[in-house]
Amino acid sequence: MTADAGRAPWQPALRDLAAIDAAVYRAVAATPSPALDRALAGLSRAADHSVLWMGIGAGLAVAGGRSGRRAAVAGLGSVAVTSAVANAGLKRLHGRPRPDAGAAGVGVDRAVRMPRSASFPSGHAASAFAFATAAGAELPVLAFPLRCLAAAVAYSRVHGGAHYPGDVVAGSLLGGAIAAAVGRGMRGHLLPR
């Protein structure tokens, strides 16, 4: 009889995925990247509490005309819903512990403040992709640059030691999906053409 007998068929696959997730996390931590460390740590800090997205939203609302205001409302509305689902719901439900950045060798120049909340999903990645997806849908010319910025924020959380890669992938997918749903719900109601 194997060690996996009596378990649900997906449990061995989840264990393998967790091992890969941890191995990629350790590989990122062990890879020297002095040219990126401070910049990514700064980007991660700028995205704390969605300050980065609020700043971009304010800029769009002020300088972007009616389309910019629509993008700001859609983006920040999506961030609000996504933050509630990720931080008040899924993090509490899942409860995955944060990685041990010190044991993995995350250097002081790249380390970000370790939140007390659970690791899964990444709220930073979820908010980043929620804003980028929603605002980009309203202002397609900004869709690619906003998604690139969102991807950099998501990666910065792994680079700085606060999340496993799987946490940011799940957060990114969650934020994009919620933004798509919120955008559909807001069109015609809060975002008249």
C-alpha atoms as a PDB file:
ATOM      1  CA  MET A   1       0.000   0.000   0.000  1.00  0.00           C
ATOM      2  CA  THR A   2       1.406   3.441  -0.934  1.00  0.00           C
ATOM      3  CA  ALA A   3       1.570   6.513   1.258  1.00  0.00           C
ATOM      4  CA  ASP A   4      -1.112   8.134  -0.928  1.00  0.00           C
ATOM      5  CA  ALA A   5      -3.666   5.320  -0.482  1.00  0.00           C
ATOM      6  CA  GLY A   6      -6.911   6.579   1.004  1.00  0.00           C
ATOM      7  CA  ARG A   7      -6.249  10.179  -0.018  1.00  0.00           C
ATOM      8  CA  ALA A   8      -8.188  12.176  -2.542  1.00  0.00           C
ATOM      9  CA  PRO A   9      -6.635  11.736  -5.990  1.00  0.00           C
ATOM     10  CA  TRP A  10      -5.618  15.392  -6.242  1.00  0.00           C
ATOM     11  CA  GLN A  11      -3.686  15.494  -2.968  1.00  0.00           C
ATOM     12  CA  PRO A  12      -0.431  14.053  -4.371  1.00  0.00           C
ATOM     13  CA  ALA A  13      -0.603  16.541  -7.259  1.00  0.00           C
ATOM     14  CA  LEU A  14      -1.144  19.432  -4.825  1.00  0.00           C
ATOM     15  CA  ARG A  15       1.824  18.236  -2.753  1.00  0.00           C
ATOM     16  CA  ASP A  16       3.977  18.167  -5.896  1.00  0.00           C
ATOM     17  CA  LEU A  17       2.822  21.659  -6.908  1.00  0.00           C
ATOM     18  CA  ALA A  18       3.643  22.960  -3.422  1.00  0.00           C
ATOM     19  CA  ALA A  19       7.137  21.468  -3.709  1.00  0.00           C
ATOM     20  CA  ILE A  20       7.656  23.150  -7.094  1.00  0.00           C
ATOM     21  CA  ASP A  21       6.317  26.425  -5.679  1.00  0.00           C
ATOM     22  CA  ALA A  22       8.801  26.290  -2.794  1.00  0.00           C
ATOM     23  CA  ALA A  23      11.685  25.348  -5.109  1.00  0.00           C
ATOM     24  CA  VAL A  24      11.005  28.295  -7.441  1.00  0.00           C
ATOM     25  CA  TYR A  25      10.755  30.609  -4.414  1.00  0.00           C
ATOM     26  CA  ARG A  26      14.163  29.404  -3.162  1.00  0.00           C
ATOM     27  CA  ALA A  27      15.682  29.751  -6.657  1.00  0.00           C
ATOM     28  CA  VAL A  28      14.515  33.366  -6.916  1.00  0.00           C
ATOM     29  CA  ALA A  29      15.880  34.099  -3.435  1.00  0.00           C
ATOM     30  CA  ALA A  30      19.245  32.513  -4.276  1.00  0.00           C
ATOM     31  CA  THR A  31      19.702  34.402  -7.555  1.00  0.00           C
ATOM     32  CA  PRO A  32      21.778  37.572  -7.113  1.00  0.00           C
ATOM     33  CA  SER A  33      20.089  40.582  -8.707  1.00  0.00           C
ATOM     34  CA  PRO A  34      21.567  43.752  -7.188  1.00  0.00           C
ATOM     35  CA  ALA A  35      20.422  45.942 -10.097  1.00  0.00           C
ATOM     36  CA  LEU A  36      16.797  44.969  -9.430  1.00  0.00           C
ATOM     37  CA  ASP A  37      16.634  44.553  -5.656  1.00  0.00           C
ATOM     38  CA  ARG A  38      15.984  48.090  -4.464  1.00  0.00           C
ATOM     39  CA  ALA A  39      13.756  49.021  -7.417  1.00  0.00           C
ATOM     40  CA  LEU A  40      11.499  45.994  -6.922  1.00  0.00           C
ATOM     41  CA  ALA A  41      11.369  46.506  -3.163  1.00  0.00           C
ATOM     42  CA  GLY A  42      10.362  50.133  -3.776  1.00  0.00           C
ATOM     43  CA  LEU A  43       7.691  49.085  -6.262  1.00  0.00           C
ATOM     44  CA  SER A  44       6.317  46.576  -3.772  1.00  0.00           C
ATOM     45  CA  ARG A  45       6.149  49.270  -1.081  1.00  0.00           C
ATOM     46  CA  ALA A  46       4.463  51.694  -3.502  1.00  0.00           C
ATOM     47  CA  ALA A  47       1.710  49.108  -4.034  1.00  0.00           C
ATOM     48  CA  ASP A  48       1.100  48.672  -0.274  1.00  0.00           C
ATOM     49  CA  HIS A  49      -2.549  49.443   0.539  1.00  0.00           C
ATOM     50  CA  SER A  50      -3.098  50.069  -3.214  1.00  0.00           C
ATOM     51  CA  VAL A  51      -1.445  53.504  -2.983  1.00  0.00           C
ATOM     52  CA  LEU A  52       0.145  53.016  -6.420  1.00  0.00           C
ATOM     53  CA  TRP A  53      -3.227  52.240  -8.024  1.00  0.00           C
ATOM     54  CA  MET A  54      -4.955  55.127  -6.257  1.00  0.00           C
ATOM     55  CA  GLY A  55      -2.247  57.470  -7.520  1.00  0.00           C
ATOM     56  CA  ILE A  56      -2.568  56.237 -11.092  1.00  0.00           C
ATOM     57  CA  GLY A  57      -6.354  56.401 -10.811  1.00  0.00           C
ATOM     58  CA  ALA A  58      -6.176  59.998  -9.593  1.00  0.00           C
ATOM     59  CA  GLY A  59      -3.879  60.886 -12.497  1.00  0.00           C
ATOM     60  CA  LEU A  60      -6.250  59.279 -14.979  1.00  0.00           C
ATOM     61  CA  ALA A  61      -9.256  61.047 -13.473  1.00  0.00           C
ATOM     62  CA  VAL A  62      -7.568  64.446 -13.579  1.00  0.00           C
ATOM     63  CA  ALA A  63      -5.725  64.270 -16.889  1.00  0.00           C
ATOM     64  CA  GLY A  64      -7.606  61.630 -18.877  1.00  0.00           C
ATOM     65  CA  GLY A  65     -10.911  63.336 -19.518  1.00  0.00           C
ATOM     66  CA  ARG A  66     -14.119  61.332 -19.465  1.00  0.00           C
ATOM     67  CA  SER A  67     -12.347  58.096 -20.523  1.00  0.00           C
ATOM     68  CA  GLY A  68      -9.742  58.588 -17.793  1.00  0.00           C
ATOM     69  CA  ARG A  69     -12.442  59.073 -15.170  1.00  0.00           C
ATOM     70  CA  ARG A  70     -14.208  55.934 -16.368  1.00  0.00           C
ATOM     71  CA  ALA A  71     -10.924  53.994 -16.210  1.00  0.00           C
ATOM     72  CA  ALA A  72     -10.198  55.308 -12.705  1.00  0.00           C
ATOM     73  CA  VAL A  73     -13.660  54.376 -11.402  1.00  0.00           C
ATOM     74  CA  ALA A  74     -13.535  50.923 -12.992  1.00  0.00           C
ATOM     75  CA  GLY A  75      -9.988  50.279 -11.812  1.00  0.00           C
ATOM     76  CA  LEU A  76     -10.441  51.439  -8.236  1.00  0.00           C
ATOM     77  CA  GLY A  77     -13.866  49.819  -7.933  1.00  0.00           C
ATOM     78  CA  SER A  78     -12.313  46.534  -9.036  1.00  0.00           C
ATOM     79  CA  VAL A  79      -9.474  46.963  -6.536  1.00  0.00           C
ATOM     80  CA  ALA A  80     -11.987  47.502  -3.708  1.00  0.00           C
ATOM     81  CA  VAL A  81     -13.963  44.345  -4.516  1.00  0.00           C
ATOM     82  CA  THR A  82     -10.828  42.290  -5.156  1.00  0.00           C
ATOM     83  CA  SER A  83      -9.194  43.411  -1.906  1.00  0.00           C
ATOM     84  CA  ALA A  84     -12.271  42.418   0.063  1.00  0.00           C
ATOM     85  CA  VAL A  85     -12.465  38.979  -1.572  1.00  0.00           C
ATOM     86  CA  ALA A  86      -8.731  38.270  -1.319  1.00  0.00           C
ATOM     87  CA  ASN A  87      -7.910  39.763   2.068  1.00  0.00           C
ATOM     88  CA  ALA A  88     -11.125  39.345   4.058  1.00  0.00           C
ATOM     89  CA  GLY A  89     -12.219  36.114   2.413  1.00  0.00           C
ATOM     90  CA  LEU A  90      -9.706  33.837   0.748  1.00  0.00           C
ATOM     91  CA  LYS A  91      -6.691  34.566   2.957  1.00  0.00           C
ATOM     92  CA  ARG A  92      -8.706  33.677   6.048  1.00  0.00           C
ATOM     93  CA  LEU A  93     -10.208  30.624   4.404  1.00  0.00           C
ATOM     94  CA  HIS A  94      -6.927  29.183   3.106  1.00  0.00           C
ATOM     95  CA  GLY A  95      -4.491  30.293   5.827  1.00  0.00           C
ATOM     96  CA  ARG A  96      -1.252  29.409   3.999  1.00  0.00           C
ATOM     97  CA  PRO A  97       1.752  30.501   6.082  1.00  0.00           C
ATOM     98  CA  ARG A  98       4.145  33.068   4.634  1.00  0.00           C
ATOM     99  CA  PRO A  99       7.454  31.768   3.320  1.00  0.00           C
ATOM    100  CA  ASP A 100      10.517  31.960   5.546  1.00  0.00           C
ATOM    101  CA  ALA A 101      12.431  34.670   3.665  1.00  0.00           C
ATOM    102  CA  GLY A 102      15.427  34.503   6.004  1.00  0.00           C
ATOM    103  CA  ALA A 103      15.876  30.758   5.651  1.00  0.00           C
ATOM    104  CA  ALA A 104      15.595  31.069   1.853  1.00  0.00           C
ATOM    105  CA  GLY A 105      18.337  33.704   1.824  1.00  0.00           C
ATOM    106  CA  VAL A 106      16.321  36.734   0.749  1.00  0.00           C
ATOM    107  CA  GLY A 107      18.824  39.560   1.148  1.00  0.00           C
ATOM    108  CA  VAL A 108      18.165  42.721   3.119  1.00  0.00           C
ATOM    109  CA  ASP A 109      18.348  44.907  -0.004  1.00  0.00           C
ATOM    110  CA  ARG A 110      15.430  43.077  -1.586  1.00  0.00           C
ATOM    111  CA  ALA A 111      13.355  42.093   1.441  1.00  0.00           C
ATOM    112  CA  VAL A 112       9.927  43.660   1.809  1.00  0.00           C
ATOM    113  CA  ARG A 113       7.915  44.032   4.992  1.00  0.00           C
ATOM    114  CA  MET A 114       6.388  40.670   5.837  1.00  0.00           C
ATOM    115  CA  PRO A 115       2.642  41.052   6.412  1.00  0.00           C
ATOM    116  CA  ARG A 116       0.946  39.164   9.241  1.00  0.00           C
ATOM    117  CA  SER A 117      -1.852  37.902   6.986  1.00  0.00           C
ATOM    118  CA  ALA A 118      -1.867  34.549   5.230  1.00  0.00           C
ATOM    119  CA  SER A 119       0.182  34.167   2.078  1.00  0.00           C
ATOM    120  CA  PHE A 120      -2.461  32.814  -0.328  1.00  0.00           C
ATOM    121  CA  PRO A 121      -3.555  34.566  -2.489  1.00  0.00           C
ATOM    122  CA  SER A 122      -1.348  37.626  -2.932  1.00  0.00           C
ATOM    123  CA  GLY A 123      -3.428  40.726  -2.271  1.00  0.00           C
ATOM    124  CA  HIS A 124      -0.829  42.899  -4.021  1.00  0.00           C
ATOM    125  CA  ALA A 125      -1.020  40.794  -7.191  1.00  0.00           C
ATOM    126  CA  ALA A 126      -4.808  40.609  -7.024  1.00  0.00           C
ATOM    127  CA  SER A 127      -5.178  44.382  -6.687  1.00  0.00           C
ATOM    128  CA  ALA A 128      -2.573  45.037  -9.368  1.00  0.00           C
ATOM    129  CA  PHE A 129      -4.312  42.886 -11.953  1.00  0.00           C
ATOM    130  CA  ALA A 130      -7.751  44.100 -10.894  1.00  0.00           C
ATOM    131  CA  PHE A 131      -6.740  47.706 -11.588  1.00  0.00           C
ATOM    132  CA  ALA A 132      -4.817  46.904 -14.775  1.00  0.00           C
ATOM    133  CA  THR A 133      -7.609  44.762 -16.217  1.00  0.00           C
ATOM    134  CA  ALA A 134     -10.447  47.163 -15.417  1.00  0.00           C
ATOM    135  CA  ALA A 135      -8.671  50.408 -16.306  1.00  0.00           C
ATOM    136  CA  GLY A 136      -7.171  48.821 -19.421  1.00  0.00           C
ATOM    137  CA  ALA A 137     -10.631  47.755 -20.585  1.00  0.00           C
ATOM    138  CA  GLU A 138     -11.752  51.384 -20.428  1.00  0.00           C
ATOM    139  CA  LEU A 139      -8.537  52.804 -21.912  1.00  0.00           C
ATOM    140  CA  PRO A 140      -7.162  50.105 -24.241  1.00  0.00           C
ATOM    141  CA  VAL A 141      -4.067  52.162 -25.056  1.00  0.00           C
ATOM    142  CA  LEU A 142      -3.004  51.678 -21.422  1.00  0.00           C
ATOM    143  CA  ALA A 143      -3.913  47.988 -21.154  1.00  0.00           C
ATOM    144  CA  PHE A 144      -0.454  46.636 -21.995  1.00  0.00           C
ATOM    145  CA  PRO A 145       1.587  49.103 -19.885  1.00  0.00           C
ATOM    146  CA  LEU A 146      -0.739  48.645 -16.910  1.00  0.00           C
ATOM    147  CA  ARG A 147      -0.505  44.865 -17.137  1.00  0.00           C
ATOM    148  CA  CYS A 148       3.284  45.065 -17.360  1.00  0.00           C
ATOM    149  CA  LEU A 149       3.298  47.204 -14.206  1.00  0.00           C
ATOM    150  CA  ALA A 150       0.911  44.747 -12.525  1.00  0.00           C
ATOM    151  CA  ALA A 151       3.206  41.844 -13.450  1.00  0.00           C
ATOM    152  CA  ALA A 152       6.195  43.713 -11.994  1.00  0.00           C
ATOM    153  CA  VAL A 153       4.292  44.322  -8.745  1.00  0.00           C
ATOM    154  CA  ALA A 154       3.286  40.656  -8.581  1.00  0.00           C
ATOM    155  CA  TYR A 155       6.867  39.486  -9.185  1.00  0.00           C
ATOM    156  CA  SER A 156       8.194  41.987  -6.636  1.00  0.00           C
ATOM    157  CA  ARG A 157       6.314  40.106  -3.934  1.00  0.00           C
ATOM    158  CA  VAL A 158       8.211  36.879  -4.713  1.00  0.00           C
ATOM    159  CA  HIS A 159      11.504  38.726  -5.251  1.00  0.00           C
ATOM    160  CA  GLY A 160      11.127  40.457  -1.889  1.00  0.00           C
ATOM    161  CA  GLY A 161      10.305  37.235  -0.070  1.00  0.00           C
ATOM    162  CA  ALA A 162       6.680  37.897   0.929  1.00  0.00           C
ATOM    163  CA  HIS A 163       4.998  35.309  -1.317  1.00  0.00           C
ATOM    164  CA  TYR A 164       5.457  32.032  -3.071  1.00  0.00           C
ATOM    165  CA  PRO A 165       5.044  32.202  -6.876  1.00  0.00           C
ATOM    166  CA  GLY A 166       1.748  30.301  -6.657  1.00  0.00           C
ATOM    167  CA  ASP A 167       0.347  32.998  -4.383  1.00  0.00           C
ATOM    168  CA  VAL A 168       0.969  35.712  -6.961  1.00  0.00           C
ATOM    169  CA  VAL A 169      -0.302  33.616  -9.868  1.00  0.00           C
ATOM    170  CA  ALA A 170      -3.540  32.924  -7.980  1.00  0.00           C
ATOM    171  CA  GLY A 171      -3.842  36.584  -6.962  1.00  0.00           C
ATOM    172  CA  SER A 172      -3.245  37.749 -10.523  1.00  0.00           C
ATOM    173  CA  LEU A 173      -5.930  35.431 -11.905  1.00  0.00           C
ATOM    174  CA  LEU A 174      -8.336  36.398  -9.138  1.00  0.00           C
ATOM    175  CA  GLY A 175      -7.844  40.132  -9.740  1.00  0.00           C
ATOM    176  CA  GLY A 176      -8.306  39.804 -13.488  1.00  0.00           C
ATOM    177  CA  ALA A 177     -11.464  37.708 -13.108  1.00  0.00           C
ATOM    178  CA  ILE A 178     -13.036  40.020 -10.541  1.00  0.00           C
ATOM    179  CA  ALA A 179     -12.189  43.077 -12.653  1.00  0.00           C
ATOM    180  CA  ALA A 180     -13.908  41.526 -15.661  1.00  0.00           C
ATOM    181  CA  ALA A 181     -17.041  40.830 -13.597  1.00  0.00           C
ATOM    182  CA  VAL A 182     -17.028  44.242 -11.913  1.00  0.00           C
ATOM    183  CA  GLY A 183     -16.498  45.956 -15.257  1.00  0.00           C
ATOM    184  CA  ARG A 184     -19.525  44.204 -16.750  1.00  0.00           C
ATOM    185  CA  GLY A 185     -21.579  45.161 -13.722  1.00  0.00           C
ATOM    186  CA  MET A 186     -20.509  48.802 -13.783  1.00  0.00           C
ATOM    187  CA  ARG A 187     -21.079  49.385 -17.508  1.00  0.00           C
ATOM    188  CA  GLY A 188     -24.379  51.098 -18.055  1.00  0.00           C
ATOM    189  CA  HIS A 189     -24.831  51.872 -14.360  1.00  0.00           C
ATOM    190  CA  LEU A 190     -21.852  53.720 -12.908  1.00  0.00           C
ATOM    191  CA  LEU A 191     -19.943  54.061 -16.173  1.00  0.00           C
ATOM    192  CA  PRO A 192     -22.399  55.415 -18.747  1.00  0.00           C
ATOM    193  CA  ARG A 193     -20.954  55.851 -22.210  1.00  0.00           C
END
